[in-house]
């Protein structure tokens, strides 16, 4: 039986914390940052917890059982 591979696109976008929560970055971070308001660009550096509805799907992809 071959090894199950991690979905690399998912691994690049999400991180798992020590407590098992899945964290993501905000979208729209790259283009036209100079036009965006300062409070908005500050938020781009933070991470947000993934909604529970998507968490199980993401965990399966990170674990390699896709």
PDB file of N, CA and C in Angstrom:
ATOM      1  N   UNK A   1       0.839  -1.182   0.000  1.00  0.00           N
ATOM      2  CA  UNK A   1       0.000   0.000   0.000  1.00  0.00           C
ATOM      3  C   UNK A   1       0.885   1.246   0.000  1.00  0.00           C
ATOM      4  N   UNK A   2       0.677   2.166  -0.951  1.00  0.00           N
ATOM      5  CA  UNK A   2       1.515   3.370  -0.971  1.00  0.00           C
ATOM      6  C   UNK A   2       1.166   4.334   0.151  1.00  0.00           C
ATOM      7  N   UNK A   3       2.100   5.227   0.427  1.00  0.00           N
ATOM      8  CA  UNK A   3       1.855   6.245   1.447  1.00  0.00           C
ATOM      9  C   UNK A   3       0.797   7.223   0.963  1.00  0.00           C
ATOM     10  N   UNK A   4       0.060   7.800   1.910  1.00  0.00           N
ATOM     11  CA  UNK A   4      -0.911   8.843   1.591  1.00  0.00           C
ATOM     12  C   UNK A   4      -0.203  10.193   1.639  1.00  0.00           C
ATOM     13  N   UNK A   5      -0.388  10.978   0.596  1.00  0.00           N
ATOM     14  CA  UNK A   5       0.335  12.246   0.494  1.00  0.00           C
ATOM     15  C   UNK A   5      -0.505  13.409   1.022  1.00  0.00           C
ATOM     16  N   UNK A   6       0.180  14.364   1.628  1.00  0.00           N
ATOM     17  CA  UNK A   6      -0.455  15.588   2.096  1.00  0.00           C
ATOM     18  C   UNK A   6      -0.800  16.451   0.892  1.00  0.00           C
ATOM     19  N   UNK A   7      -1.961  17.093   0.926  1.00  0.00           N
ATOM     20  CA  UNK A   7      -2.347  18.032  -0.126  1.00  0.00           C
ATOM     21  C   UNK A   7      -1.560  19.317   0.083  1.00  0.00           C
ATOM     22  N   UNK A   8      -0.616  19.604  -0.805  1.00  0.00           N
ATOM     23  CA  UNK A   8       0.343  20.689  -0.589  1.00  0.00           C
ATOM     24  C   UNK A   8      -0.302  22.067  -0.669  1.00  0.00           C
ATOM     25  N   UNK A   9      -1.356  22.224  -1.468  1.00  0.00           N
ATOM     26  CA  UNK A   9      -2.056  23.499  -1.520  1.00  0.00           C
ATOM     27  C   UNK A   9      -2.710  23.824  -0.192  1.00  0.00           C
ATOM     28  N   UNK A  10      -3.252  22.797   0.450  1.00  0.00           N
ATOM     29  CA  UNK A  10      -3.865  22.982   1.765  1.00  0.00           C
ATOM     30  C   UNK A  10      -2.797  23.243   2.817  1.00  0.00           C
ATOM     31  N   UNK A  11      -1.680  22.546   2.725  1.00  0.00           N
ATOM     32  CA  UNK A  11      -0.612  22.722   3.708  1.00  0.00           C
ATOM     33  C   UNK A  11      -0.018  24.128   3.651  1.00  0.00           C
ATOM     34  N   UNK A  12      -0.033  24.755   2.469  1.00  0.00           N
ATOM     35  CA  UNK A  12       0.504  26.100   2.339  1.00  0.00           C
ATOM     36  C   UNK A  12      -0.443  27.152   2.916  1.00  0.00           C
ATOM     37  N   UNK A  13      -1.732  26.849   2.940  1.00  0.00           N
ATOM     38  CA  UNK A  13      -2.718  27.848   3.354  1.00  0.00           C
ATOM     39  C   UNK A  13      -3.144  27.754   4.807  1.00  0.00           C
ATOM     40  N   UNK A  14      -2.964  26.603   5.425  1.00  0.00           N
ATOM     41  CA  UNK A  14      -3.478  26.384   6.773  1.00  0.00           C
ATOM     42  C   UNK A  14      -2.383  25.864   7.691  1.00  0.00           C
ATOM     43  N   UNK A  15      -2.504  26.194   8.985  1.00  0.00           N
ATOM     44  CA  UNK A  15      -1.590  25.698  10.014  1.00  0.00           C
ATOM     45  C   UNK A  15      -2.416  25.120  11.146  1.00  0.00           C
ATOM     46  N   UNK A  16      -1.907  24.061  11.767  1.00  0.00           N
ATOM     47  CA  UNK A  16      -2.591  23.447  12.900  1.00  0.00           C
ATOM     48  C   UNK A  16      -1.870  23.872  14.167  1.00  0.00           C
ATOM     49  N   UNK A  17      -2.602  24.381  15.155  1.00  0.00           N
ATOM     50  CA  UNK A  17      -2.005  24.801  16.414  1.00  0.00           C
ATOM     51  C   UNK A  17      -1.758  23.589  17.301  1.00  0.00           C
ATOM     52  N   UNK A  18      -1.107  23.827  18.417  1.00  0.00           N
ATOM     53  CA  UNK A  18      -0.844  22.742  19.353  1.00  0.00           C
ATOM     54  C   UNK A  18      -2.111  22.161  19.938  1.00  0.00           C
ATOM     55  N   UNK A  19      -3.145  22.989  20.054  1.00  0.00           N
ATOM     56  CA  UNK A  19      -4.422  22.524  20.584  1.00  0.00           C
ATOM     57  C   UNK A  19      -5.314  21.871  19.554  1.00  0.00           C
ATOM     58  N   UNK A  20      -4.867  21.834  18.293  1.00  0.00           N
ATOM     59  CA  UNK A  20      -5.638  21.166  17.253  1.00  0.00           C
ATOM     60  C   UNK A  20      -6.520  22.081  16.423  1.00  0.00           C
ATOM     61  N   UNK A  21      -6.483  23.404  16.695  1.00  0.00           N
ATOM     62  CA  UNK A  21      -7.274  24.325  15.895  1.00  0.00           C
ATOM     63  C   UNK A  21      -6.582  24.560  14.556  1.00  0.00           C
ATOM     64  N   UNK A  22      -7.368  24.806  13.520  1.00  0.00           N
ATOM     65  CA  UNK A  22      -6.820  25.097  12.206  1.00  0.00           C
ATOM     66  C   UNK A  22      -6.930  26.592  11.970  1.00  0.00           C
ATOM     67  N   UNK A  23      -5.793  27.210  11.653  1.00  0.00           N
ATOM     68  CA  UNK A  23      -5.734  28.654  11.467  1.00  0.00           C
ATOM     69  C   UNK A  23      -5.459  28.966   9.995  1.00  0.00           C
ATOM     70  N   UNK A  24      -6.022  30.088   9.536  1.00  0.00           N
ATOM     71  CA  UNK A  24      -5.813  30.557   8.169  1.00  0.00           C
ATOM     72  C   UNK A  24      -5.470  32.039   8.212  1.00  0.00           C
ATOM     73  N   UNK A  25      -4.918  32.536   7.107  1.00  0.00           N
ATOM     74  CA  UNK A  25      -4.655  33.961   6.967  1.00  0.00           C
ATOM     75  C   UNK A  25      -5.843  34.612   6.281  1.00  0.00           C
ATOM     76  N   UNK A  26      -5.937  35.931   6.381  1.00  0.00           N
ATOM     77  CA  UNK A  26      -6.953  36.678   5.646  1.00  0.00           C
ATOM     78  C   UNK A  26      -6.628  36.660   4.163  1.00  0.00           C
ATOM     79  N   UNK A  27      -7.651  36.777   3.327  1.00  0.00           N
ATOM     80  CA  UNK A  27      -7.447  36.888   1.889  1.00  0.00           C
ATOM     81  C   UNK A  27      -7.211  38.326   1.476  1.00  0.00           C
ATOM     82  N   UNK A  28      -6.987  38.556   0.186  1.00  0.00           N
ATOM     83  CA  UNK A  28      -6.795  39.885  -0.420  1.00  0.00           C
ATOM     84  C   UNK A  28      -5.611  40.623   0.192  1.00  0.00           C
ATOM     85  N   UNK A  29      -4.532  39.920   0.502  1.00  0.00           N
ATOM     86  CA  UNK A  29      -3.400  40.551   1.178  1.00  0.00           C
ATOM     87  C   UNK A  29      -2.414  41.191   0.203  1.00  0.00           C
ATOM     88  N   UNK A  30      -2.395  40.760  -1.047  1.00  0.00           N
ATOM     89  CA  UNK A  30      -1.268  41.093  -1.902  1.00  0.00           C
ATOM     90  C   UNK A  30      -1.439  42.345  -2.756  1.00  0.00           C
ATOM     91  N   UNK A  31      -2.577  42.507  -3.396  1.00  0.00           N
ATOM     92  CA  UNK A  31      -2.693  43.578  -4.382  1.00  0.00           C
ATOM     93  C   UNK A  31      -3.274  44.846  -3.783  1.00  0.00           C
ATOM     94  N   UNK A  32      -2.734  45.989  -4.205  1.00  0.00           N
ATOM     95  CA  UNK A  32      -3.246  47.312  -3.879  1.00  0.00           C
ATOM     96  C   UNK A  32      -3.266  47.582  -2.374  1.00  0.00           C
ATOM     97  N   UNK A  33      -2.237  47.185  -1.700  1.00  0.00           N
ATOM     98  CA  UNK A  33      -2.213  47.405  -0.251  1.00  0.00           C
ATOM     99  C   UNK A  33      -2.089  48.882   0.092  1.00  0.00           C
ATOM    100  N   UNK A  34      -1.476  49.661  -0.762  1.00  0.00           N
ATOM    101  CA  UNK A  34      -1.321  51.092  -0.469  1.00  0.00           C
ATOM    102  C   UNK A  34      -2.648  51.817  -0.519  1.00  0.00           C
ATOM    103  N   UNK A  35      -3.622  51.259  -1.228  1.00  0.00           N
ATOM    104  CA  UNK A  35      -4.940  51.886  -1.331  1.00  0.00           C
ATOM    105  C   UNK A  35      -5.859  51.500  -0.176  1.00  0.00           C
ATOM    106  N   UNK A  36      -5.510  50.454   0.531  1.00  0.00           N
ATOM    107  CA  UNK A  36      -6.377  49.989   1.608  1.00  0.00           C
ATOM    108  C   UNK A  36      -6.111  50.787   2.884  1.00  0.00           C
ATOM    109  N   UNK A  37      -7.096  50.847   3.729  1.00  0.00           N
ATOM    110  CA  UNK A  37      -6.966  51.580   4.989  1.00  0.00           C
ATOM    111  C   UNK A  37      -5.970  50.863   5.907  1.00  0.00           C
ATOM    112  N   UNK A  38      -5.317  51.636   6.738  1.00  0.00           N
ATOM    113  CA  UNK A  38      -4.296  51.084   7.633  1.00  0.00           C
ATOM    114  C   UNK A  38      -4.851  50.005   8.559  1.00  0.00           C
ATOM    115  N   UNK A  39      -6.038  50.174   9.190  1.00  0.00           N
ATOM    116  CA  UNK A  39      -6.548  49.090  10.051  1.00  0.00           C
ATOM    117  C   UNK A  39      -6.795  47.796   9.297  1.00  0.00           C
ATOM    118  N   UNK A  40      -7.125  47.912   8.026  1.00  0.00           N
ATOM    119  CA  UNK A  40      -7.369  46.720   7.216  1.00  0.00           C
ATOM    120  C   UNK A  40      -6.061  45.984   6.968  1.00  0.00           C
ATOM    121  N   UNK A  41      -5.007  46.728   6.625  1.00  0.00           N
ATOM    122  CA  UNK A  41      -3.736  46.075   6.339  1.00  0.00           C
ATOM    123  C   UNK A  41      -3.106  45.492   7.595  1.00  0.00           C
ATOM    124  N   UNK A  42      -3.391  46.064   8.749  1.00  0.00           N
ATOM    125  CA  UNK A  42      -2.882  45.499  10.006  1.00  0.00           C
ATOM    126  C   UNK A  42      -3.525  44.140  10.256  1.00  0.00           C
ATOM    127  N   UNK A  43      -4.813  44.024   9.936  1.00  0.00           N
ATOM    128  CA  UNK A  43      -5.501  42.743  10.132  1.00  0.00           C
ATOM    129  C   UNK A  43      -4.948  41.635   9.255  1.00  0.00           C
ATOM    130  N   UNK A  44      -4.347  41.998   8.117  1.00  0.00           N
ATOM    131  CA  UNK A  44      -3.836  40.983   7.214  1.00  0.00           C
ATOM    132  C   UNK A  44      -2.705  40.164   7.835  1.00  0.00           C
ATOM    133  N   UNK A  45      -2.017  40.697   8.825  1.00  0.00           N
ATOM    134  CA  UNK A  45      -0.926  39.969   9.445  1.00  0.00           C
ATOM    135  C   UNK A  45      -1.379  38.950  10.467  1.00  0.00           C
ATOM    136  N   UNK A  46      -2.650  38.941  10.810  1.00  0.00           N
ATOM    137  CA  UNK A  46      -3.159  38.040  11.842  1.00  0.00           C
ATOM    138  C   UNK A  46      -3.754  36.781  11.233  1.00  0.00           C
ATOM    139  N   UNK A  47      -3.918  35.799  12.072  1.00  0.00           N
ATOM    140  CA  UNK A  47      -4.545  34.558  11.632  1.00  0.00           C
ATOM    141  C   UNK A  47      -5.918  34.425  12.261  1.00  0.00           C
ATOM    142  N   UNK A  48      -6.779  33.668  11.607  1.00  0.00           N
ATOM    143  CA  UNK A  48      -8.153  33.468  12.041  1.00  0.00           C
ATOM    144  C   UNK A  48      -8.408  31.971  12.105  1.00  0.00           C
ATOM    145  N   UNK A  49      -9.236  31.565  13.031  1.00  0.00           N
ATOM    146  CA  UNK A  49      -9.594  30.151  13.111  1.00  0.00           C
ATOM    147  C   UNK A  49     -10.566  29.804  11.989  1.00  0.00           C
ATOM    148  N   UNK A  50     -10.396  28.622  11.412  1.00  0.00           N
ATOM    149  CA  UNK A  50     -11.267  28.159  10.338  1.00  0.00           C
ATOM    150  C   UNK A  50     -12.623  27.782  10.916  1.00  0.00           C
ATOM    151  N   UNK A  51     -13.665  28.021  10.144  1.00  0.00           N
ATOM    152  CA  UNK A  51     -15.017  27.672  10.579  1.00  0.00           C
ATOM    153  C   UNK A  51     -15.119  26.161  10.800  1.00  0.00           C
ATOM    154  N   UNK A  52     -15.856  25.735  11.828  1.00  0.00           N
ATOM    155  CA  UNK A  52     -15.962  24.294  12.123  1.00  0.00           C
ATOM    156  C   UNK A  52     -16.539  23.473  10.977  1.00  0.00           C
ATOM    157  N   UNK A  53     -17.339  24.086  10.115  1.00  0.00           N
ATOM    158  CA  UNK A  53     -17.917  23.356   8.993  1.00  0.00           C
ATOM    159  C   UNK A  53     -16.843  22.870   8.014  1.00  0.00           C
ATOM    160  N   UNK A  54     -15.734  23.600   7.897  1.00  0.00           N
ATOM    161  CA  UNK A  54     -14.679  23.237   6.965  1.00  0.00           C
ATOM    162  C   UNK A  54     -13.510  22.526   7.638  1.00  0.00           C
ATOM    163  N   UNK A  55     -13.464  22.542   8.951  1.00  0.00           N
ATOM    164  CA  UNK A  55     -12.285  22.042   9.672  1.00  0.00           C
ATOM    165  C   UNK A  55     -12.037  20.566   9.411  1.00  0.00           C
ATOM    166  N   UNK A  56     -13.081  19.758   9.374  1.00  0.00           N
ATOM    167  CA  UNK A  56     -12.876  18.315   9.194  1.00  0.00           C
ATOM    168  C   UNK A  56     -12.324  18.016   7.809  1.00  0.00           C
ATOM    169  N   UNK A  57     -12.799  18.735   6.783  1.00  0.00           N
ATOM    170  CA  UNK A  57     -12.290  18.521   5.431  1.00  0.00           C
ATOM    171  C   UNK A  57     -10.817  18.880   5.336  1.00  0.00           C
ATOM    172  N   UNK A  58     -10.457  19.993   5.961  1.00  0.00           N
ATOM    173  CA  UNK A  58      -9.066  20.444   5.901  1.00  0.00           C
ATOM    174  C   UNK A  58      -8.160  19.479   6.641  1.00  0.00           C
ATOM    175  N   UNK A  59      -8.612  18.971   7.790  1.00  0.00           N
ATOM    176  CA  UNK A  59      -7.803  18.001   8.540  1.00  0.00           C
ATOM    177  C   UNK A  59      -7.536  16.754   7.735  1.00  0.00           C
ATOM    178  N   UNK A  60      -8.537  16.277   6.991  1.00  0.00           N
ATOM    179  CA  UNK A  60      -8.337  15.088   6.144  1.00  0.00           C
ATOM    180  C   UNK A  60      -7.292  15.345   5.083  1.00  0.00           C
ATOM    181  N   UNK A  61      -7.304  16.540   4.474  1.00  0.00           N
ATOM    182  CA  UNK A  61      -6.325  16.842   3.451  1.00  0.00           C
ATOM    183  C   UNK A  61      -4.926  16.994   4.024  1.00  0.00           C
ATOM    184  N   UNK A  62      -4.838  17.567   5.223  1.00  0.00           N
ATOM    185  CA  UNK A  62      -3.519  17.728   5.844  1.00  0.00           C
ATOM    186  C   UNK A  62      -2.958  16.388   6.307  1.00  0.00           C
ATOM    187  N   UNK A  63      -3.833  15.482   6.693  1.00  0.00           N
ATOM    188  CA  UNK A  63      -3.397  14.172   7.172  1.00  0.00           C
ATOM    189  C   UNK A  63      -3.048  13.234   6.019  1.00  0.00           C
ATOM    190  N   UNK A  64      -3.451  13.585   4.809  1.00  0.00           N
ATOM    191  CA  UNK A  64      -3.114  12.751   3.669  1.00  0.00           C
ATOM    192  C   UNK A  64      -4.142  11.686   3.359  1.00  0.00           C
ATOM    193  N   UNK A  65      -5.358  11.847   3.847  1.00  0.00           N
ATOM    194  CA  UNK A  65      -6.388  10.845   3.548  1.00  0.00           C
ATOM    195  C   UNK A  65      -7.438  11.434   2.619  1.00  0.00           C
ATOM    196  N   UNK A  66      -6.962  12.102   1.557  1.00  0.00           N
ATOM    197  CA  UNK A  66      -7.869  12.767   0.619  1.00  0.00           C
ATOM    198  C   UNK A  66      -8.390  11.778  -0.401  1.00  0.00           C
TER     199      UNK A  66
END
